[in-house]
mmCIF file of all heavy atoms, coordinates in Angstrom:
data_MODEL
# 
_entry.id   MODEL 
# 
loop_
_atom_site.group_PDB 
_atom_site.id 
_atom_site.type_symbol 
_atom_site.label_atom_id 
_atom_site.label_alt_id 
_atom_site.label_comp_id 
_atom_site.label_asym_id 
_atom_site.label_entity_id 
_atom_site.label_seq_id 
_atom_site.pdbx_PDB_ins_code 
_atom_site.Cartn_x 
_atom_site.Cartn_y 
_atom_site.Cartn_z 
_atom_site.occupancy 
_atom_site.B_iso_or_equiv 
_atom_site.pdbx_formal_charge 
_atom_site.auth_seq_id 
_atom_site.auth_comp_id 
_atom_site.auth_asym_id 
_atom_site.auth_atom_id 
_atom_site.pdbx_PDB_model_num 
ATOM 1   N N   . LEU A 1 1  ? -7.591  2.314  24.300 1.00 0.00 ? 1  LEU A N   1 
ATOM 2   C CA  . LEU A 1 1  ? -8.057  1.130  25.038 1.00 0.00 ? 1  LEU A CA  1 
ATOM 3   C C   . LEU A 1 1  ? -7.159  -0.058 24.873 1.00 0.00 ? 1  LEU A C   1 
ATOM 4   O O   . LEU A 1 1  ? -7.586  -1.209 24.962 1.00 0.00 ? 1  LEU A O   1 
ATOM 5   C CB  . LEU A 1 1  ? -9.500  0.798  24.604 1.00 0.00 ? 1  LEU A CB  1 
ATOM 6   C CG  . LEU A 1 1  ? -10.515 1.931  24.793 1.00 0.00 ? 1  LEU A CG  1 
ATOM 7   C CD1 . LEU A 1 1  ? -11.864 1.520  24.247 1.00 0.00 ? 1  LEU A CD1 1 
ATOM 8   C CD2 . LEU A 1 1  ? -10.603 2.347  26.244 1.00 0.00 ? 1  LEU A CD2 1 
ATOM 9   N N   . GLY A 1 2  ? -5.864  0.190  24.553 1.00 0.00 ? 2  GLY A N   1 
ATOM 10  C CA  . GLY A 1 2  ? -4.894  -0.888 24.490 1.00 0.00 ? 2  GLY A CA  1 
ATOM 11  C C   . GLY A 1 2  ? -5.077  -1.862 23.350 1.00 0.00 ? 2  GLY A C   1 
ATOM 12  O O   . GLY A 1 2  ? -4.580  -2.957 23.362 1.00 0.00 ? 2  GLY A O   1 
ATOM 13  N N   . LYS A 1 3  ? -5.826  -1.444 22.327 1.00 0.00 ? 3  LYS A N   1 
ATOM 14  C CA  . LYS A 1 3  ? -6.167  -2.374 21.250 1.00 0.00 ? 3  LYS A CA  1 
ATOM 15  C C   . LYS A 1 3  ? -5.160  -2.284 20.092 1.00 0.00 ? 3  LYS A C   1 
ATOM 16  O O   . LYS A 1 3  ? -5.178  -1.330 19.316 1.00 0.00 ? 3  LYS A O   1 
ATOM 17  C CB  . LYS A 1 3  ? -7.563  -2.072 20.725 1.00 0.00 ? 3  LYS A CB  1 
ATOM 18  C CG  . LYS A 1 3  ? -8.634  -2.322 21.756 1.00 0.00 ? 3  LYS A CG  1 
ATOM 19  C CD  . LYS A 1 3  ? -9.998  -2.014 21.202 1.00 0.00 ? 3  LYS A CD  1 
ATOM 20  C CE  . LYS A 1 3  ? -11.048 -2.297 22.252 1.00 0.00 ? 3  LYS A CE  1 
ATOM 21  N NZ  . LYS A 1 3  ? -12.372 -1.946 21.817 1.00 0.00 ? 3  LYS A NZ  1 
ATOM 22  N N   . GLY A 1 4  ? -4.304  -3.238 19.992 1.00 0.00 ? 4  GLY A N   1 
ATOM 23  C CA  . GLY A 1 4  ? -3.394  -3.337 18.870 1.00 0.00 ? 4  GLY A CA  1 
ATOM 24  C C   . GLY A 1 4  ? -2.277  -2.326 18.864 1.00 0.00 ? 4  GLY A C   1 
ATOM 25  O O   . GLY A 1 4  ? -2.310  -1.337 19.569 1.00 0.00 ? 4  GLY A O   1 
ATOM 26  N N   . LYS A 1 5  ? -1.286  -2.543 18.029 1.00 0.00 ? 5  LYS A N   1 
ATOM 27  C CA  . LYS A 1 5  ? -0.113  -1.668 17.937 1.00 0.00 ? 5  LYS A CA  1 
ATOM 28  C C   . LYS A 1 5  ? -0.351  -0.490 17.015 1.00 0.00 ? 5  LYS A C   1 
ATOM 29  O O   . LYS A 1 5  ? 0.373   0.494  17.082 1.00 0.00 ? 5  LYS A O   1 
ATOM 30  C CB  . LYS A 1 5  ? 1.090   -2.468 17.465 1.00 0.00 ? 5  LYS A CB  1 
ATOM 31  C CG  . LYS A 1 5  ? 1.514   -3.537 18.477 1.00 0.00 ? 5  LYS A CG  1 
ATOM 32  C CD  . LYS A 1 5  ? 2.704   -4.297 17.976 1.00 0.00 ? 5  LYS A CD  1 
ATOM 33  C CE  . LYS A 1 5  ? 3.053   -5.367 19.002 1.00 0.00 ? 5  LYS A CE  1 
ATOM 34  N NZ  . LYS A 1 5  ? 4.168   -6.195 18.587 1.00 0.00 ? 5  LYS A NZ  1 
ATOM 35  N N   . TRP A 1 6  ? -1.316  -0.543 16.128 1.00 0.00 ? 6  TRP A N   1 
ATOM 36  C CA  . TRP A 1 6  ? -1.500  0.538  15.178 1.00 0.00 ? 6  TRP A CA  1 
ATOM 37  C C   . TRP A 1 6  ? -2.919  1.117  15.241 1.00 0.00 ? 6  TRP A C   1 
ATOM 38  O O   . TRP A 1 6  ? -3.142  2.214  14.735 1.00 0.00 ? 6  TRP A O   1 
ATOM 39  C CB  . TRP A 1 6  ? -1.235  0.021  13.754 1.00 0.00 ? 6  TRP A CB  1 
ATOM 40  C CG  . TRP A 1 6  ? -2.124  -1.124 13.373 1.00 0.00 ? 6  TRP A CG  1 
ATOM 41  C CD1 . TRP A 1 6  ? -1.817  -2.439 13.506 1.00 0.00 ? 6  TRP A CD1 1 
ATOM 42  C CD2 . TRP A 1 6  ? -3.439  -1.071 12.841 1.00 0.00 ? 6  TRP A CD2 1 
ATOM 43  N NE1 . TRP A 1 6  ? -2.882  -3.218 13.104 1.00 0.00 ? 6  TRP A NE1 1 
ATOM 44  C CE2 . TRP A 1 6  ? -3.900  -2.395 12.689 1.00 0.00 ? 6  TRP A CE2 1 
ATOM 45  C CE3 . TRP A 1 6  ? -4.284  -0.036 12.500 1.00 0.00 ? 6  TRP A CE3 1 
ATOM 46  C CZ2 . TRP A 1 6  ? -5.156  -2.701 12.185 1.00 0.00 ? 6  TRP A CZ2 1 
ATOM 47  C CZ3 . TRP A 1 6  ? -5.558  -0.367 11.997 1.00 0.00 ? 6  TRP A CZ3 1 
ATOM 48  C CH2 . TRP A 1 6  ? -5.937  -1.664 11.867 1.00 0.00 ? 6  TRP A CH2 1 
ATOM 49  N N   . ARG A 1 7  ? -3.872  0.420  15.832 1.00 0.00 ? 7  ARG A N   1 
ATOM 50  C CA  . ARG A 1 7  ? -5.262  0.911  15.865 1.00 0.00 ? 7  ARG A CA  1 
ATOM 51  C C   . ARG A 1 7  ? -5.334  2.271  16.521 1.00 0.00 ? 7  ARG A C   1 
ATOM 52  O O   . ARG A 1 7  ? -4.694  2.542  17.513 1.00 0.00 ? 7  ARG A O   1 
ATOM 53  C CB  . ARG A 1 7  ? -6.167  -0.093 16.551 1.00 0.00 ? 7  ARG A CB  1 
ATOM 54  C CG  . ARG A 1 7  ? -6.407  -1.323 15.674 1.00 0.00 ? 7  ARG A CG  1 
ATOM 55  C CD  . ARG A 1 7  ? -7.377  -2.267 16.272 1.00 0.00 ? 7  ARG A CD  1 
ATOM 56  N NE  . ARG A 1 7  ? -8.676  -1.638 16.421 1.00 0.00 ? 7  ARG A NE  1 
ATOM 57  C CZ  . ARG A 1 7  ? -9.646  -2.171 17.152 1.00 0.00 ? 7  ARG A CZ  1 
ATOM 58  N NH1 . ARG A 1 7  ? -9.445  -3.296 17.791 1.00 0.00 ? 7  ARG A NH1 1 
ATOM 59  N NH2 . ARG A 1 7  ? -10.802 -1.589 17.261 1.00 0.00 ? 7  ARG A NH2 1 
ATOM 60  N N   . GLY A 1 8  ? -6.150  3.129  15.947 1.00 0.00 ? 8  GLY A N   1 
ATOM 61  C CA  . GLY A 1 8  ? -6.329  4.469  16.460 1.00 0.00 ? 8  GLY A CA  1 
ATOM 62  C C   . GLY A 1 8  ? -5.331  5.473  15.896 1.00 0.00 ? 8  GLY A C   1 
ATOM 63  O O   . GLY A 1 8  ? -5.385  6.642  16.223 1.00 0.00 ? 8  GLY A O   1 
ATOM 64  N N   . SER A 1 9  ? -4.416  4.984  15.070 1.00 0.00 ? 9  SER A N   1 
ATOM 65  C CA  . SER A 1 9  ? -3.349  5.854  14.549 1.00 0.00 ? 9  SER A CA  1 
ATOM 66  C C   . SER A 1 9  ? -3.423  6.020  13.046 1.00 0.00 ? 9  SER A C   1 
ATOM 67  O O   . SER A 1 9  ? -4.285  5.465  12.394 1.00 0.00 ? 9  SER A O   1 
ATOM 68  C CB  . SER A 1 9  ? -2.005  5.236  14.906 1.00 0.00 ? 9  SER A CB  1 
ATOM 69  O OG  . SER A 1 9  ? -1.724  4.103  14.053 1.00 0.00 ? 9  SER A OG  1 
ATOM 70  N N   . VAL A 1 10 ? -2.470  6.770  12.509 1.00 0.00 ? 10 VAL A N   1 
ATOM 71  C CA  . VAL A 1 10 ? -2.329  6.886  11.081 1.00 0.00 ? 10 VAL A CA  1 
ATOM 72  C C   . VAL A 1 10 ? -2.044  5.509  10.493 1.00 0.00 ? 10 VAL A C   1 
ATOM 73  O O   . VAL A 1 10 ? -2.448  5.206  9.371  1.00 0.00 ? 10 VAL A O   1 
ATOM 74  C CB  . VAL A 1 10 ? -1.210  7.899  10.721 1.00 0.00 ? 10 VAL A CB  1 
ATOM 75  C CG1 . VAL A 1 10 ? -0.823  7.811  9.238  1.00 0.00 ? 10 VAL A CG1 1 
ATOM 76  C CG2 . VAL A 1 10 ? -1.658  9.305  11.091 1.00 0.00 ? 10 VAL A CG2 1 
ATOM 77  N N   . GLY A 1 11 ? -1.386  4.672  11.258 1.00 0.00 ? 11 GLY A N   1 
ATOM 78  C CA  . GLY A 1 11 ? -1.135  3.314  10.802 1.00 0.00 ? 11 GLY A CA  1 
ATOM 79  C C   . GLY A 1 11 ? 0.217   3.144  10.120 1.00 0.00 ? 11 GLY A C   1 
ATOM 80  O O   . GLY A 1 11 ? 1.232   3.693  10.561 1.00 0.00 ? 11 GLY A O   1 
ATOM 81  N N   . MET A 1 12 ? 0.226   2.416  9.021  1.00 0.00 ? 12 MET A N   1 
ATOM 82  C CA  . MET A 1 12 ? 1.459   2.015  8.361  1.00 0.00 ? 12 MET A CA  1 
ATOM 83  C C   . MET A 1 12 ? 2.286   3.189  7.846  1.00 0.00 ? 12 MET A C   1 
ATOM 84  O O   . MET A 1 12 ? 3.481   3.067  7.661  1.00 0.00 ? 12 MET A O   1 
ATOM 85  C CB  . MET A 1 12 ? 1.163   1.026  7.247  1.00 0.00 ? 12 MET A CB  1 
ATOM 86  C CG  . MET A 1 12 ? 0.387   -0.203 7.693  1.00 0.00 ? 12 MET A CG  1 
ATOM 87  S SD  . MET A 1 12 ? 1.145   -1.085 9.096  1.00 0.00 ? 12 MET A SD  1 
ATOM 88  C CE  . MET A 1 12 ? 2.475   -1.861 8.270  1.00 0.00 ? 12 MET A CE  1 
ATOM 89  N N   . GLU A 1 13 ? 1.647   4.315  7.617  1.00 0.00 ? 13 GLU A N   1 
ATOM 90  C CA  . GLU A 1 13 ? 2.369   5.490  7.063  1.00 0.00 ? 13 GLU A CA  1 
ATOM 91  C C   . GLU A 1 13 ? 2.907   6.404  8.163  1.00 0.00 ? 13 GLU A C   1 
ATOM 92  O O   . GLU A 1 13 ? 3.407   7.481  7.878  1.00 0.00 ? 13 GLU A O   1 
ATOM 93  C CB  . GLU A 1 13 ? 1.469   6.279  6.113  1.00 0.00 ? 13 GLU A CB  1 
ATOM 94  C CG  . GLU A 1 13 ? 1.180   5.553  4.821  1.00 0.00 ? 13 GLU A CG  1 
ATOM 95  C CD  . GLU A 1 13 ? 0.198   4.426  5.000  1.00 0.00 ? 13 GLU A CD  1 
ATOM 96  O OE1 . GLU A 1 13 ? -0.779  4.584  5.761  1.00 0.00 ? 13 GLU A OE1 1 
ATOM 97  O OE2 . GLU A 1 13 ? 0.407   3.359  4.388  1.00 0.00 ? 13 GLU A OE2 1 
ATOM 98  N N   . SER A 1 14 ? 2.788   6.003  9.416  1.00 0.00 ? 14 SER A N   1 
ATOM 99  C CA  . SER A 1 14 ? 3.219   6.871  10.541 1.00 0.00 ? 14 SER A CA  1 
ATOM 100 C C   . SER A 1 14 ? 4.668   7.323  10.428 1.00 0.00 ? 14 SER A C   1 
ATOM 101 O O   . SER A 1 14 ? 4.978   8.498  10.636 1.00 0.00 ? 14 SER A O   1 
ATOM 102 C CB  . SER A 1 14 ? 3.003   6.173  11.878 1.00 0.00 ? 14 SER A CB  1 
ATOM 103 O OG  . SER A 1 14 ? 1.645   6.207  12.264 1.00 0.00 ? 14 SER A OG  1 
ATOM 104 N N   . GLU A 1 15 ? 5.563   6.392  10.115 1.00 0.00 ? 15 GLU A N   1 
ATOM 105 C CA  . GLU A 1 15 ? 6.984   6.760  10.042 1.00 0.00 ? 15 GLU A CA  1 
ATOM 106 C C   . GLU A 1 15 ? 7.252   7.729  8.889  1.00 0.00 ? 15 GLU A C   1 
ATOM 107 O O   . GLU A 1 15 ? 8.032   8.682  9.057  1.00 0.00 ? 15 GLU A O   1 
ATOM 108 C CB  . GLU A 1 15 ? 7.875   5.529  9.923  1.00 0.00 ? 15 GLU A CB  1 
ATOM 109 C CG  . GLU A 1 15 ? 7.872   4.661  11.180 1.00 0.00 ? 15 GLU A CG  1 
ATOM 110 C CD  . GLU A 1 15 ? 8.241   5.434  12.440 1.00 0.00 ? 15 GLU A CD  1 
ATOM 111 O OE1 . GLU A 1 15 ? 9.224   6.213  12.423 1.00 0.00 ? 15 GLU A OE1 1 
ATOM 112 O OE2 . GLU A 1 15 ? 7.553   5.257  13.464 1.00 0.00 ? 15 GLU A OE2 1 
ATOM 113 N N   . LYS A 1 16 ? 6.616   7.522  7.752  1.00 0.00 ? 16 LYS A N   1 
ATOM 114 C CA  . LYS A 1 16 ? 6.782   8.458  6.651  1.00 0.00 ? 16 LYS A CA  1 
ATOM 115 C C   . LYS A 1 16 ? 6.234   9.816  6.994  1.00 0.00 ? 16 LYS A C   1 
ATOM 116 O O   . LYS A 1 16 ? 6.875   10.846 6.685  1.00 0.00 ? 16 LYS A O   1 
ATOM 117 C CB  . LYS A 1 16 ? 6.022   7.949  5.404  1.00 0.00 ? 16 LYS A CB  1 
ATOM 118 C CG  . LYS A 1 16 ? 6.626   6.746  4.725  1.00 0.00 ? 16 LYS A CG  1 
ATOM 119 C CD  . LYS A 1 16 ? 5.765   6.380  3.515  1.00 0.00 ? 16 LYS A CD  1 
ATOM 120 C CE  . LYS A 1 16 ? 6.228   5.129  2.838  1.00 0.00 ? 16 LYS A CE  1 
ATOM 121 N NZ  . LYS A 1 16 ? 5.342   4.786  1.683  1.00 0.00 ? 16 LYS A NZ  1 
ATOM 122 N N   . LEU A 1 17 ? 5.092   9.861  7.668  1.00 0.00 ? 17 LEU A N   1 
ATOM 123 C CA  . LEU A 1 17 ? 4.515   11.136 8.056  1.00 0.00 ? 17 LEU A CA  1 
ATOM 124 C C   . LEU A 1 17 ? 5.363   11.824 9.085  1.00 0.00 ? 17 LEU A C   1 
ATOM 125 O O   . LEU A 1 17 ? 5.550   13.070 9.039  1.00 0.00 ? 17 LEU A O   1 
ATOM 126 C CB  . LEU A 1 17 ? 3.078   10.921 8.571  1.00 0.00 ? 17 LEU A CB  1 
ATOM 127 C CG  . LEU A 1 17 ? 2.314   12.179 8.983  1.00 0.00 ? 17 LEU A CG  1 
ATOM 128 C CD1 . LEU A 1 17 ? 2.315   13.228 7.872  1.00 0.00 ? 17 LEU A CD1 1 
ATOM 129 C CD2 . LEU A 1 17 ? 0.876   11.804 9.362  1.00 0.00 ? 17 LEU A CD2 1 
ATOM 130 N N   . LYS A 1 18 ? 5.949   11.102 10.043 1.00 0.00 ? 18 LYS A N   1 
ATOM 131 C CA  . LYS A 1 18 ? 6.864   11.694 11.031 1.00 0.00 ? 18 LYS A CA  1 
ATOM 132 C C   . LYS A 1 18 ? 8.015   12.414 10.343 1.00 0.00 ? 18 LYS A C   1 
ATOM 133 O O   . LYS A 1 18 ? 8.411   13.521 10.749 1.00 0.00 ? 18 LYS A O   1 
ATOM 134 C CB  . LYS A 1 18 ? 7.413   10.645 11.980 1.00 0.00 ? 18 LYS A CB  1 
ATOM 135 C CG  . LYS A 1 18 ? 6.479   10.198 13.053 1.00 0.00 ? 18 LYS A CG  1 
ATOM 136 C CD  . LYS A 1 18 ? 7.148   9.187  13.944 1.00 0.00 ? 18 LYS A CD  1 
ATOM 137 C CE  . LYS A 1 18 ? 6.209   8.621  14.959 1.00 0.00 ? 18 LYS A CE  1 
ATOM 138 N NZ  . LYS A 1 18 ? 6.803   7.602  15.827 1.00 0.00 ? 18 LYS A NZ  1 
ATOM 139 N N   . LYS A 1 19 ? 8.568   11.789 9.325  1.00 0.00 ? 19 LYS A N   1 
ATOM 140 C CA  . LYS A 1 19 ? 9.699   12.420 8.601  1.00 0.00 ? 19 LYS A CA  1 
ATOM 141 C C   . LYS A 1 19 ? 9.272   13.716 7.928  1.00 0.00 ? 19 LYS A C   1 
ATOM 142 O O   . LYS A 1 19 ? 10.011  14.698 7.952  1.00 0.00 ? 19 LYS A O   1 
ATOM 143 C CB  . LYS A 1 19 ? 10.272  11.446 7.557  1.00 0.00 ? 19 LYS A CB  1 
ATOM 144 C CG  . LYS A 1 19 ? 11.058  10.306 8.153  1.00 0.00 ? 19 LYS A CG  1 
ATOM 145 C CD  . LYS A 1 19 ? 11.576  9.356  7.105  1.00 0.00 ? 19 LYS A CD  1 
ATOM 146 C CE  . LYS A 1 19 ? 12.291  8.202  7.791  1.00 0.00 ? 19 LYS A CE  1 
ATOM 147 N NZ  . LYS A 1 19 ? 12.692  7.174  6.832  1.00 0.00 ? 19 LYS A NZ  1 
ATOM 148 N N   . VAL A 1 20 ? 8.081   13.746 7.344  1.00 0.00 ? 20 VAL A N   1 
ATOM 149 C CA  . VAL A 1 20 ? 7.589   14.948 6.704  1.00 0.00 ? 20 VAL A CA  1 
ATOM 150 C C   . VAL A 1 20 ? 7.342   16.039 7.740  1.00 0.00 ? 20 VAL A C   1 
ATOM 151 O O   . VAL A 1 20 ? 7.669   17.202 7.539  1.00 0.00 ? 20 VAL A O   1 
ATOM 152 C CB  . VAL A 1 20 ? 6.317   14.653 5.858  1.00 0.00 ? 20 VAL A CB  1 
ATOM 153 C CG1 . VAL A 1 20 ? 5.672   15.942 5.392  1.00 0.00 ? 20 VAL A CG1 1 
ATOM 154 C CG2 . VAL A 1 20 ? 6.673   13.744 4.705  1.00 0.00 ? 20 VAL A CG2 1 
ATOM 155 N N   . LEU A 1 21 ? 6.723   15.690 8.858  1.00 0.00 ? 21 LEU A N   1 
ATOM 156 C CA  . LEU A 1 21 ? 6.438   16.665 9.894  1.00 0.00 ? 21 LEU A CA  1 
ATOM 157 C C   . LEU A 1 21 ? 7.720   17.241 10.500 1.00 0.00 ? 21 LEU A C   1 
ATOM 158 O O   . LEU A 1 21 ? 7.683   18.336 11.099 1.00 0.00 ? 21 LEU A O   1 
ATOM 159 C CB  . LEU A 1 21 ? 5.571   16.046 10.987 1.00 0.00 ? 21 LEU A CB  1 
ATOM 160 C CG  . LEU A 1 21 ? 4.164   15.620 10.570 1.00 0.00 ? 21 LEU A CG  1 
ATOM 161 C CD1 . LEU A 1 21 ? 3.518   14.801 11.692 1.00 0.00 ? 21 LEU A CD1 1 
ATOM 162 C CD2 . LEU A 1 21 ? 3.323   16.806 10.210 1.00 0.00 ? 21 LEU A CD2 1 
ATOM 163 N N   . SER A 1 22 ? 8.826   16.561 10.351 1.00 0.00 ? 22 SER A N   1 
ATOM 164 C CA  . SER A 1 22 ? 10.090  16.973 10.946 1.00 0.00 ? 22 SER A CA  1 
ATOM 165 C C   . SER A 1 22 ? 10.972  17.841 10.037 1.00 0.00 ? 22 SER A C   1 
ATOM 166 O O   . SER A 1 22 ? 12.059  18.241 10.451 1.00 0.00 ? 22 SER A O   1 
ATOM 167 C CB  . SER A 1 22 ? 10.901  15.723 11.364 1.00 0.00 ? 22 SER A CB  1 
ATOM 168 O OG  . SER A 1 22 ? 10.216  15.033 12.356 1.00 0.00 ? 22 SER A OG  1 
ATOM 169 N N   . VAL A 1 23 ? 10.506  18.112 8.815  1.00 0.00 ? 23 VAL A N   1 
ATOM 170 C CA  . VAL A 1 23 ? 11.376  18.859 7.871  1.00 0.00 ? 23 VAL A CA  1 
ATOM 171 C C   . VAL A 1 23 ? 11.580  20.310 8.255  1.00 0.00 ? 23 VAL A C   1 
ATOM 172 O O   . VAL A 1 23 ? 12.479  20.975 7.723  1.00 0.00 ? 23 VAL A O   1 
ATOM 173 C CB  . VAL A 1 23 ? 10.869  18.766 6.416  1.00 0.00 ? 23 VAL A CB  1 
ATOM 174 C CG1 . VAL A 1 23 ? 10.890  17.334 5.926  1.00 0.00 ? 23 VAL A CG1 1 
ATOM 175 C CG2 . VAL A 1 23 ? 9.539   19.432 6.227  1.00 0.00 ? 23 VAL A CG2 1 
ATOM 176 N N   . ARG A 1 24 ? 10.761  20.813 9.152  1.00 0.00 ? 24 ARG A N   1 
ATOM 177 C CA  . ARG A 1 24 ? 10.885  22.220 9.569  1.00 0.00 ? 24 ARG A CA  1 
ATOM 178 C C   . ARG A 1 24 ? 10.493  22.301 11.038 1.00 0.00 ? 24 ARG A C   1 
ATOM 179 O O   . ARG A 1 24 ? 9.664   21.543 11.511 1.00 0.00 ? 24 ARG A O   1 
ATOM 180 C CB  . ARG A 1 24 ? 9.953   23.066 8.704  1.00 0.00 ? 24 ARG A CB  1 
ATOM 181 C CG  . ARG A 1 24 ? 9.741   24.506 9.028  1.00 0.00 ? 24 ARG A CG  1 
ATOM 182 C CD  . ARG A 1 24 ? 10.762  25.507 8.560  1.00 0.00 ? 24 ARG A CD  1 
ATOM 183 N NE  . ARG A 1 24 ? 11.191  25.558 7.192  1.00 0.00 ? 24 ARG A NE  1 
ATOM 184 C CZ  . ARG A 1 24 ? 10.605  26.252 6.220  1.00 0.00 ? 24 ARG A CZ  1 
ATOM 185 N NH1 . ARG A 1 24 ? 9.479   26.903 6.408  1.00 0.00 ? 24 ARG A NH1 1 
ATOM 186 N NH2 . ARG A 1 24 ? 11.152  26.292 5.051  1.00 0.00 ? 24 ARG A NH2 1 
ATOM 187 N N   . LYS A 1 25 ? 11.093  23.237 11.777 1.00 0.00 ? 25 LYS A N   1 
ATOM 188 C CA  . LYS A 1 25 ? 10.729  23.452 13.181 1.00 0.00 ? 25 LYS A CA  1 
ATOM 189 C C   . LYS A 1 25 ? 9.339   24.084 13.283 1.00 0.00 ? 25 LYS A C   1 
ATOM 190 O O   . LYS A 1 25 ? 8.871   24.693 12.307 1.00 0.00 ? 25 LYS A O   1 
ATOM 191 C CB  . LYS A 1 25 ? 11.752  24.350 13.854 1.00 0.00 ? 25 LYS A CB  1 
ATOM 192 C CG  . LYS A 1 25 ? 13.087  23.688 14.081 1.00 0.00 ? 25 LYS A CG  1 
ATOM 193 C CD  . LYS A 1 25 ? 14.011  24.622 14.815 1.00 0.00 ? 25 LYS A CD  1 
ATOM 194 C CE  . LYS A 1 25 ? 15.339  23.921 15.025 1.00 0.00 ? 25 LYS A CE  1 
ATOM 195 N NZ  . LYS A 1 25 ? 16.295  24.801 15.751 1.00 0.00 ? 25 LYS A NZ  1 
ATOM 196 N N   . ASN A 1 26 ? 8.776   23.969 14.461 1.00 0.00 ? 26 ASN A N   1 
ATOM 197 C CA  . ASN A 1 26 ? 7.514   24.645 14.790 1.00 0.00 ? 26 ASN A CA  1 
ATOM 198 C C   . ASN A 1 26 ? 6.288   24.093 14.058 1.00 0.00 ? 26 ASN A C   1 
ATOM 199 O O   . ASN A 1 26 ? 5.337   24.810 13.804 1.00 0.00 ? 26 ASN A O   1 
ATOM 200 C CB  . ASN A 1 26 ? 7.606   26.152 14.588 1.00 0.00 ? 26 ASN A CB  1 
ATOM 201 C CG  . ASN A 1 26 ? 8.725   26.777 15.363 1.00 0.00 ? 26 ASN A CG  1 
ATOM 202 O OD1 . ASN A 1 26 ? 8.991   26.354 16.498 1.00 0.00 ? 26 ASN A OD1 1 
ATOM 203 N ND2 . ASN A 1 26 ? 9.375   27.788 14.786 1.00 0.00 ? 26 ASN A ND2 1 
ATOM 204 N N   . VAL A 1 27 ? 6.308   22.789 13.786 1.00 0.00 ? 27 VAL A N   1 
ATOM 205 C CA  . VAL A 1 27 ? 5.129   22.125 13.214 1.00 0.00 ? 27 VAL A CA  1 
ATOM 206 C C   . VAL A 1 27 ? 4.320   21.530 14.370 1.00 0.00 ? 27 VAL A C   1 
ATOM 207 O O   . VAL A 1 27 ? 4.882   20.887 15.252 1.00 0.00 ? 27 VAL A O   1 
ATOM 208 C CB  . VAL A 1 27 ? 5.537   21.032 12.198 1.00 0.00 ? 27 VAL A CB  1 
ATOM 209 C CG1 . VAL A 1 27 ? 4.312   20.256 11.721 1.00 0.00 ? 27 VAL A CG1 1 
ATOM 210 C CG2 . VAL A 1 27 ? 6.287   21.629 11.022 1.00 0.00 ? 27 VAL A CG2 1 
ATOM 211 N N   . PHE A 1 28 ? 3.031   21.792 14.371 1.00 0.00 ? 28 PHE A N   1 
ATOM 212 C CA  . PHE A 1 28 ? 2.132   21.275 15.377 1.00 0.00 ? 28 PHE A CA  1 
ATOM 213 C C   . PHE A 1 28 ? 1.174   20.315 14.679 1.00 0.00 ? 28 PHE A C   1 
ATOM 214 O O   . PHE A 1 28 ? 0.397   20.723 13.816 1.00 0.00 ? 28 PHE A O   1 
ATOM 215 C CB  . PHE A 1 28 ? 1.345   22.415 16.056 1.00 0.00 ? 28 PHE A CB  1 
ATOM 216 C CG  . PHE A 1 28 ? 2.220   23.293 16.883 1.00 0.00 ? 28 PHE A CG  1 
ATOM 217 C CD1 . PHE A 1 28 ? 3.006   24.291 16.303 1.00 0.00 ? 28 PHE A CD1 1 
ATOM 218 C CD2 . PHE A 1 28 ? 2.273   23.142 18.253 1.00 0.00 ? 28 PHE A CD2 1 
ATOM 219 C CE1 . PHE A 1 28 ? 3.808   25.120 17.087 1.00 0.00 ? 28 PHE A CE1 1 
ATOM 220 C CE2 . PHE A 1 28 ? 3.093   23.948 19.029 1.00 0.00 ? 28 PHE A CE2 1 
ATOM 221 C CZ  . PHE A 1 28 ? 3.849   24.940 18.446 1.00 0.00 ? 28 PHE A CZ  1 
ATOM 222 N N   . PHE A 1 29 ? 1.231   19.037 15.061 1.00 0.00 ? 29 PHE A N   1 
ATOM 223 C CA  . PHE A 1 29 ? 0.372   18.000 14.491 1.00 0.00 ? 29 PHE A CA  1 
ATOM 224 C C   . PHE A 1 29 ? -0.775  17.787 15.464 1.00 0.00 ? 29 PHE A C   1 
ATOM 225 O O   . PHE A 1 29 ? -0.602  17.231 16.559 1.00 0.00 ? 29 PHE A O   1 
ATOM 226 C CB  . PHE A 1 29 ? 1.179   16.707 14.272 1.00 0.00 ? 29 PHE A CB  1 
ATOM 227 C CG  . PHE A 1 29 ? 0.429   15.650 13.547 1.00 0.00 ? 29 PHE A CG  1 
ATOM 228 C CD1 . PHE A 1 29 ? -0.112  15.885 12.286 1.00 0.00 ? 29 PHE A CD1 1 
ATOM 229 C CD2 . PHE A 1 29 ? 0.280   14.373 14.085 1.00 0.00 ? 29 PHE A CD2 1 
ATOM 230 C CE1 . PHE A 1 29 ? -0.807  14.885 11.601 1.00 0.00 ? 29 PHE A CE1 1 
ATOM 231 C CE2 . PHE A 1 29 ? -0.377  13.362 13.410 1.00 0.00 ? 29 PHE A CE2 1 
ATOM 232 C CZ  . PHE A 1 29 ? -0.916  13.620 12.152 1.00 0.00 ? 29 PHE A CZ  1 
ATOM 233 N N   . ILE A 1 30 ? -1.954  18.253 15.093 1.00 0.00 ? 30 ILE A N   1 
ATOM 234 C CA  . ILE A 1 30 ? -3.108  18.244 15.998 1.00 0.00 ? 30 ILE A CA  1 
ATOM 235 C C   . ILE A 1 30 ? -4.096  17.177 15.529 1.00 0.00 ? 30 ILE A C   1 
ATOM 236 O O   . ILE A 1 30 ? -4.530  17.178 14.383 1.00 0.00 ? 30 ILE A O   1 
ATOM 237 C CB  . ILE A 1 30 ? -3.763  19.642 16.022 1.00 0.00 ? 30 ILE A CB  1 
ATOM 238 C CG1 . ILE A 1 30 ? -2.712  20.652 16.498 1.00 0.00 ? 30 ILE A CG1 1 
ATOM 239 C CG2 . ILE A 1 30 ? -5.000  19.639 16.917 1.00 0.00 ? 30 ILE A CG2 1 
ATOM 240 C CD1 . ILE A 1 30 ? -3.109  22.079 16.337 1.00 0.00 ? 30 ILE A CD1 1 
ATOM 241 N N   . THR A 1 31 ? -4.407  16.278 16.453 1.00 0.00 ? 31 THR A N   1 
ATOM 242 C CA  . THR A 1 31 ? -5.232  15.115 16.129 1.00 0.00 ? 31 THR A CA  1 
ATOM 243 C C   . THR A 1 31 ? -6.321  14.903 17.175 1.00 0.00 ? 31 THR A C   1 
ATOM 244 O O   . THR A 1 31 ? -6.382  15.578 18.182 1.00 0.00 ? 31 THR A O   1 
ATOM 245 C CB  . THR A 1 31 ? -4.350  13.861 16.037 1.00 0.00 ? 31 THR A CB  1 
ATOM 246 O OG1 . THR A 1 31 ? -3.751  13.632 17.326 1.00 0.00 ? 31 THR A OG1 1 
ATOM 247 C CG2 . THR A 1 31 ? -3.285  13.986 14.975 1.00 0.00 ? 31 THR A CG2 1 
# 
């Protein structure tokens, strides 16, 4: 609903989590 830049998300740890999810191919992040 267009509310804020981080609302509805993992938030401040998103970039750290993206790096972890990228360490191997074929990872599916289901939310």
